[in-house]
Protein backbone atom coordinates (compact mmCIF):
# COMPACT_ATOMS: atom_id res chain seq x y z
CA MET A 1 -30.24 89.79 87.42
CA LYS A 2 -31.75 86.63 88.89
CA SER A 3 -29.51 84.10 90.57
CA LEU A 4 -29.48 80.48 89.46
CA ALA A 5 -31.46 79.59 92.59
CA GLN A 6 -34.31 81.90 91.52
CA THR A 7 -34.69 80.36 88.07
CA VAL A 8 -34.14 76.62 88.54
CA PRO A 9 -36.96 74.17 89.21
CA SER A 10 -37.60 72.72 92.65
CA TYR A 11 -38.44 69.01 92.96
CA ARG A 12 -40.06 66.85 95.62
CA LEU A 13 -39.12 63.32 96.63
CA TYR A 14 -39.57 60.91 93.75
CA ARG A 15 -41.55 57.84 94.67
CA GLU A 16 -41.70 55.67 91.56
CA ALA A 17 -40.24 52.60 93.22
CA TYR A 18 -41.56 52.61 96.77
CA GLY A 19 -45.21 53.05 97.56
CA GLU A 20 -45.34 51.81 101.14
CA SER A 21 -46.39 54.59 103.50
CA GLY A 22 -43.83 53.84 106.22
CA ASP A 23 -40.88 54.86 104.06
CA PHE A 24 -42.43 57.95 102.47
CA TRP A 25 -39.62 60.13 103.84
CA ILE A 26 -36.62 58.40 102.29
CA HIS A 27 -35.51 57.15 98.86
CA CYS A 28 -32.37 55.38 97.65
CA GLU A 29 -31.35 54.36 94.15
CA THR A 30 -28.27 53.78 92.03
CA ILE A 31 -26.84 56.88 90.37
CA PRO A 32 -27.06 55.42 86.82
CA GLU A 33 -30.76 54.57 87.32
CA ARG A 34 -31.80 58.17 86.69
CA THR A 35 -28.78 59.78 85.05
CA HIS A 36 -28.67 57.49 82.02
CA LEU A 37 -32.20 58.63 81.15
CA HIS A 38 -30.85 62.18 80.85
CA ASN A 39 -27.69 61.34 78.92
CA TRP A 40 -25.60 61.66 82.11
CA GLU A 41 -26.53 65.35 82.50
CA ILE A 42 -28.77 66.59 85.34
CA SER A 43 -29.80 70.22 84.86
CA PRO A 44 -29.45 72.62 87.83
CA HIS A 45 -32.37 72.28 90.22
CA ARG A 46 -33.04 72.28 93.96
CA HIS A 47 -35.00 70.35 96.57
CA ASP A 48 -36.49 72.81 99.05
CA ALA A 49 -37.53 70.17 101.59
CA LEU A 50 -34.99 67.42 100.90
CA PHE A 51 -31.30 66.69 101.34
CA GLN A 52 -29.19 64.22 99.37
CA ILE A 53 -26.06 62.13 99.86
CA PHE A 54 -24.25 60.74 96.82
CA PHE A 55 -21.63 58.01 97.14
CA MET A 56 -19.54 57.65 93.97
CA SER A 57 -17.75 54.33 93.65
CA ASP A 58 -16.71 54.86 90.02
CA GLY A 59 -16.48 57.68 87.52
CA ALA A 60 -16.05 61.43 87.74
CA GLY A 61 -17.87 64.60 86.86
CA GLU A 62 -18.73 68.17 87.67
CA ILE A 63 -21.29 69.67 90.02
CA THR A 64 -22.77 73.08 89.20
CA GLY A 65 -24.28 75.35 91.84
CA ASP A 66 -25.18 78.97 92.43
CA ASP A 67 -21.51 79.75 93.08
CA GLY A 68 -20.03 77.99 90.05
CA SER A 69 -18.77 74.51 89.20
CA ARG A 70 -16.53 72.00 90.97
CA ARG A 71 -14.97 68.78 89.78
CA PHE A 72 -15.25 65.48 91.64
CA LYS A 73 -13.78 62.02 91.16
CA ALA A 74 -14.63 58.68 92.72
CA PRO A 75 -14.31 57.45 95.34
CA CYS A 76 -16.05 60.34 97.05
CA ALA A 77 -19.22 61.45 98.79
CA ILE A 78 -21.25 64.55 97.96
CA PHE A 79 -23.69 66.13 100.41
CA ILE A 80 -26.44 68.46 99.09
CA PRO A 81 -28.33 70.50 101.75
CA PRO A 82 -32.00 71.43 101.33
CA GLY A 83 -32.56 74.37 98.99
CA GLU A 84 -29.08 74.33 97.42
CA VAL A 85 -28.95 74.57 93.64
CA HIS A 86 -27.09 71.66 92.08
CA GLY A 87 -26.70 70.08 88.67
CA PHE A 88 -24.45 67.25 87.54
CA SER A 89 -22.42 66.29 84.52
CA TYR A 90 -21.29 62.67 84.89
CA SER A 91 -18.84 60.47 83.07
CA ARG A 92 -20.57 57.46 81.51
CA ASP A 93 -18.80 55.03 83.85
CA VAL A 94 -20.26 56.64 86.98
CA ASP A 95 -21.64 54.30 89.61
CA GLY A 96 -22.76 54.52 93.20
CA LEU A 97 -25.83 55.31 95.28
CA VAL A 98 -27.85 58.44 95.99
CA LEU A 99 -29.88 58.83 99.18
CA THR A 100 -32.70 61.41 99.30
CA VAL A 101 -34.35 62.28 102.63
CA VAL A 102 -36.94 64.81 103.79
CA SER A 103 -35.24 67.74 105.51
CA ASP A 104 -37.07 67.35 108.85
CA ARG A 105 -34.77 64.43 109.67
CA LEU A 106 -31.73 66.63 109.13
CA LYS A 107 -33.17 69.43 111.27
CA THR A 108 -33.56 67.01 114.18
CA LEU A 109 -29.92 65.91 113.97
CA ALA A 110 -28.66 69.47 113.50
CA ALA A 111 -30.56 70.56 116.61
CA ALA A 112 -28.98 67.72 118.59
CA ASP A 113 -25.38 68.51 117.58
CA ARG A 114 -24.00 71.73 116.17
CA ARG A 115 -21.36 69.86 114.18
CA VAL A 116 -24.13 68.40 112.04
CA ALA A 117 -25.58 71.88 111.54
CA LEU A 118 -22.18 73.24 110.47
CA PHE A 119 -21.60 70.33 108.12
CA ALA A 120 -25.06 70.70 106.56
CA SER A 121 -24.70 74.43 105.88
CA GLU A 122 -23.25 73.98 102.38
CA ILE A 123 -22.56 71.52 99.57
CA ARG A 124 -19.72 69.16 100.54
CA ILE A 125 -17.46 67.04 98.35
CA ILE A 126 -15.65 64.52 100.56
CA PRO A 127 -12.94 62.25 99.13
CA THR A 128 -13.14 58.75 100.61
CA SER A 129 -10.59 55.97 100.94
CA PRO A 130 -10.34 52.44 102.38
CA GLU A 131 -8.48 53.92 105.38
CA ASP A 132 -11.31 56.35 106.24
CA LYS A 133 -13.32 54.28 108.74
CA ASP A 134 -15.97 56.96 109.27
CA ALA A 135 -16.66 57.42 105.55
CA ASN A 136 -16.73 53.66 105.04
CA PHE A 137 -19.23 53.32 107.87
CA ALA A 138 -21.43 55.93 106.16
CA ILE A 139 -21.15 54.09 102.85
CA GLU A 140 -22.15 50.79 104.46
CA CYS A 141 -25.16 52.48 106.08
CA VAL A 142 -26.36 53.72 102.68
CA ARG A 143 -25.77 50.33 101.07
CA LYS A 144 -27.82 48.71 103.81
CA LEU A 145 -30.53 51.36 103.35
CA PHE A 146 -30.69 50.47 99.68
CA GLU A 147 -31.11 46.80 100.59
CA GLU A 148 -33.83 47.57 103.13
CA LEU A 149 -35.77 49.87 100.78
CA THR A 150 -35.64 47.50 97.84
CA GLY A 151 -36.32 44.38 99.91
CA ARG A 152 -39.13 43.17 102.11
CA ALA A 153 -37.29 41.97 105.22
CA HIS A 154 -39.12 41.85 108.53
CA CYS A 155 -38.99 45.06 110.62
CA ARG A 156 -37.26 46.89 107.78
CA LEU A 157 -39.00 50.19 108.57
CA LEU A 158 -37.36 50.16 112.00
CA MET A 159 -33.94 50.07 110.33
CA LEU A 160 -34.31 53.15 108.15
CA GLU A 161 -33.84 56.03 110.59
CA PRO A 162 -30.86 54.52 112.49
CA LEU A 163 -29.11 53.79 109.19
CA MET A 164 -29.82 57.29 107.89
CA THR A 165 -28.42 58.77 111.11
CA GLY A 166 -25.34 56.57 110.83
CA ALA A 167 -24.72 57.74 107.27
CA ILE A 168 -24.84 61.40 108.25
CA VAL A 169 -22.75 61.02 111.40
CA GLY A 170 -20.14 59.02 109.50
CA LEU A 171 -19.85 61.78 106.90
CA VAL A 172 -19.69 64.52 109.54
CA ARG A 173 -16.90 62.67 111.37
CA SER A 174 -15.02 62.06 108.14
CA ALA A 175 -15.27 65.72 107.14
CA ASN A 176 -14.26 66.88 110.61
CA ALA A 177 -11.24 64.55 110.65
CA ALA A 178 -10.15 65.88 107.27
CA GLY A 179 -10.61 69.43 108.50
CA ALA A 180 -8.63 68.75 111.69
CA ALA A 181 -5.46 68.43 109.63
CA ASN A 182 -5.97 72.05 108.58
CA ASP A 183 -7.41 73.52 111.77
CA GLY A 184 -4.27 75.45 112.69
CA LEU A 185 -3.75 73.55 115.95
CA ASP A 186 -0.42 72.04 116.90
CA ASP A 187 -0.09 68.64 118.59
CA ARG A 188 0.06 70.22 122.04
CA ASP A 189 -3.23 72.05 121.57
CA ARG A 190 -4.90 68.93 120.18
CA GLU A 191 -3.82 67.08 123.32
CA ARG A 192 -5.33 69.90 125.37
CA VAL A 193 -8.64 69.55 123.55
CA GLU A 194 -8.63 65.80 124.24
CA THR A 195 -7.89 66.49 127.90
CA LEU A 196 -10.72 69.02 127.96
CA ALA A 197 -13.17 66.42 126.64
CA THR A 198 -12.11 63.98 129.38
CA LEU A 199 -12.44 66.64 132.08
CA ILE A 200 -15.88 67.72 130.89
CA ALA A 201 -17.12 64.12 130.86
CA ALA A 202 -16.00 63.76 134.48
CA ASN A 203 -17.19 67.15 135.78
CA PHE A 204 -20.12 68.44 133.71
CA ARG A 205 -22.65 67.63 136.44
CA ALA A 206 -20.72 69.89 138.83
CA HIS A 207 -21.25 72.90 136.52
CA LYS A 208 -17.63 73.99 136.87
CA PRO A 209 -16.70 77.38 135.36
CA VAL A 210 -14.47 77.64 132.28
CA SER A 211 -11.66 78.84 134.54
CA PHE A 212 -11.62 75.44 136.30
CA TYR A 213 -10.87 73.64 133.02
CA ALA A 214 -8.35 76.27 131.92
CA ASP A 215 -6.48 76.14 135.24
CA THR A 216 -6.45 72.33 135.25
CA ILE A 217 -5.07 72.20 131.71
CA GLY A 218 -2.67 75.08 132.32
CA VAL A 219 -3.83 77.66 129.78
CA SER A 220 -5.89 80.83 129.88
CA PRO A 221 -9.68 80.64 129.43
CA THR A 222 -9.32 82.67 126.23
CA HIS A 223 -6.81 80.23 124.75
CA LEU A 224 -8.88 77.23 125.79
CA ASN A 225 -12.01 78.66 124.19
CA ARG A 226 -10.07 79.43 121.00
CA ILE A 227 -8.69 75.93 120.54
CA ALA A 228 -12.01 74.34 121.54
CA ARG A 229 -13.82 76.34 118.84
CA LYS A 230 -11.20 75.46 116.24
CA ALA A 231 -11.37 71.76 117.02
CA THR A 232 -15.10 71.31 117.63
CA GLY A 233 -17.01 74.42 116.63
CA TYR A 234 -18.05 74.92 120.25
CA SER A 235 -16.78 77.10 123.09
CA VAL A 236 -15.95 75.35 126.37
CA LEU A 237 -19.35 76.35 127.74
CA GLY A 238 -20.94 75.02 124.56
CA LEU A 239 -19.23 71.66 125.04
CA ILE A 240 -20.44 71.48 128.64
CA THR A 241 -23.96 72.33 127.48
CA GLN A 242 -23.87 69.58 124.85
CA GLN A 243 -22.73 67.05 127.47
CA LEU A 244 -25.58 68.08 129.78
CA LEU A 245 -28.11 67.85 126.95
CA GLU A 246 -26.89 64.42 125.90
CA ALA A 247 -27.19 63.12 129.46
CA ALA A 248 -30.60 64.75 129.90
CA ARG A 249 -31.96 63.23 126.69
CA ARG A 250 -30.60 59.81 127.61
CA ASP A 251 -32.21 59.92 131.07
CA LEU A 252 -35.52 61.20 129.70
CA ILE A 253 -35.71 58.46 127.06
CA PHE A 254 -34.23 55.43 128.79
CA THR A 255 -35.06 55.84 132.49
CA PRO A 256 -38.33 56.26 134.41
CA THR A 257 -36.69 58.82 136.72
CA PRO A 258 -38.99 61.79 137.41
CA ILE A 259 -37.90 65.01 135.74
CA GLN A 260 -37.16 66.54 139.14
CA GLY A 261 -34.78 63.66 139.89
CA ILE A 262 -33.07 64.04 136.52
CA ALA A 263 -32.58 67.74 137.19
CA TYR A 264 -30.92 67.10 140.55
CA GLY A 265 -28.84 64.26 139.09
CA LEU A 266 -27.47 66.64 136.46
CA GLY A 267 -26.44 69.14 139.10
CA PHE A 268 -29.29 71.65 138.79
CA SER A 269 -30.25 73.06 142.17
CA ASP A 270 -33.73 73.97 140.95
CA PRO A 271 -35.80 71.77 138.59
CA ALA A 272 -37.40 74.92 137.18
CA TYR A 273 -33.96 76.07 136.01
CA PHE A 274 -33.41 72.68 134.36
CA ASN A 275 -36.74 73.09 132.56
CA ARG A 276 -35.71 76.52 131.27
CA PHE A 277 -32.27 75.26 130.26
CA PHE A 278 -33.68 72.29 128.34
CA ARG A 279 -36.36 74.33 126.61
CA ARG A 280 -33.88 77.05 125.61
CA GLN A 281 -31.61 74.46 124.01
CA THR A 282 -34.21 72.22 122.34
CA GLY A 283 -37.40 74.24 122.00
CA MET A 284 -39.25 71.68 124.14
CA THR A 285 -39.78 71.16 127.85
CA PRO A 286 -38.29 67.95 129.29
CA GLY A 287 -41.80 66.57 129.77
CA ALA A 288 -42.82 67.30 126.18
CA PHE A 289 -39.59 65.76 124.89
CA ARG A 290 -40.11 62.57 126.93
CA GLU A 291 -43.71 62.26 125.76
CA ALA A 292 -42.73 62.78 122.11
CA GLU A 293 -40.08 60.06 122.37
CA ARG A 294 -42.55 57.67 123.98
CA ARG A 295 -44.99 58.26 121.12
CA LYS A 296 -42.23 57.53 118.59
CA GLN A 297 -41.38 54.28 120.34
CA ALA A 298 -45.05 53.29 120.53
CA LEU A 299 -45.39 53.85 116.77
CA GLY A 300 -42.15 51.99 116.06
CA LYS A 301 -40.48 55.09 114.56
C-alpha cells in the first residue's frame, strides 16, 4: 500500500507575484490569498525543494500529513520541512502570512548549527504569545519580509536573507525554550549547563578536555554530557566544536588574518590540523569558505 507521500503531488515555488530575479528563492503572501480560492481546503501535497513557515494570527484548522492529522489554533506558527506531506483545512476567519523558501537556505543554516537541523527534521506546530520574545521576533521578520517582497524599497534584496535567517532562528529558540520546560532537567542541572556555556566561551581556544569542565563544575563527565545533550542537543565536545567553528567562520569572514594565523589563534598547533577540522565539520576548506563568502559579499548576497 502506498503512503500518502508517494501519491500526493509535489509543487515548486509559485512566482505569480514576483518576477524579479534577485528574489527567485523566496515568496511571502497572506494565508487567505491562496486558501480562499480553494474553499479554505488545501489538499495534501509536498514541496521537495522548499520549506514553509506559516504564522497564524487568527483562525484555526487542521493539518494533515503522512502520520495523520493535528489541530492548530491561532496564534501559532507552523514549520513545514522540505519533502513533508501536508494539507490544510482552515476556518474561514484564518489570517496570517506564509513564507516559502528554497531548501538550500535551510541546509546552510542546519549545517551551521545542529539545533536548526533538529528543529527542521519534522513538522512543527508552535503556539505563540505576546510574552514569547523569540516567536515575536520571528513574526516581525516575516512581516518585514512581506513588506520588502511586495515593495520596491532601495537595497531590498539585501534584506531578504538576514530576515529569513532571523525568522528561523527565532522559531528555533522559541521551540527550544518551550522544550526546556520538559527536558527533564532540574534547576541545578540547568545552572550547570549555563556554567558550562560560560566556561566553554572562556576556554575553547585552549582545547581543554571534557574532564576539565566536569571537574570545574563538580560533576562526572558522563553526567555533564547527559545534561548538555538534554539541554542543547550537543555533547560537551560538540559544544566546544561549535564554539571553535563560530570563531573560525567569524575570523575568516571579517578579518584579513591569514589562515595560518587564525589556526594558531584558535589554539591549533598545526594549521594542517585546523584545515582538516574545518573541512570535516563544514565540507569546505577554510580557504574555500573564505573565498565563497567574499564572492557572496561582492554579489551583494
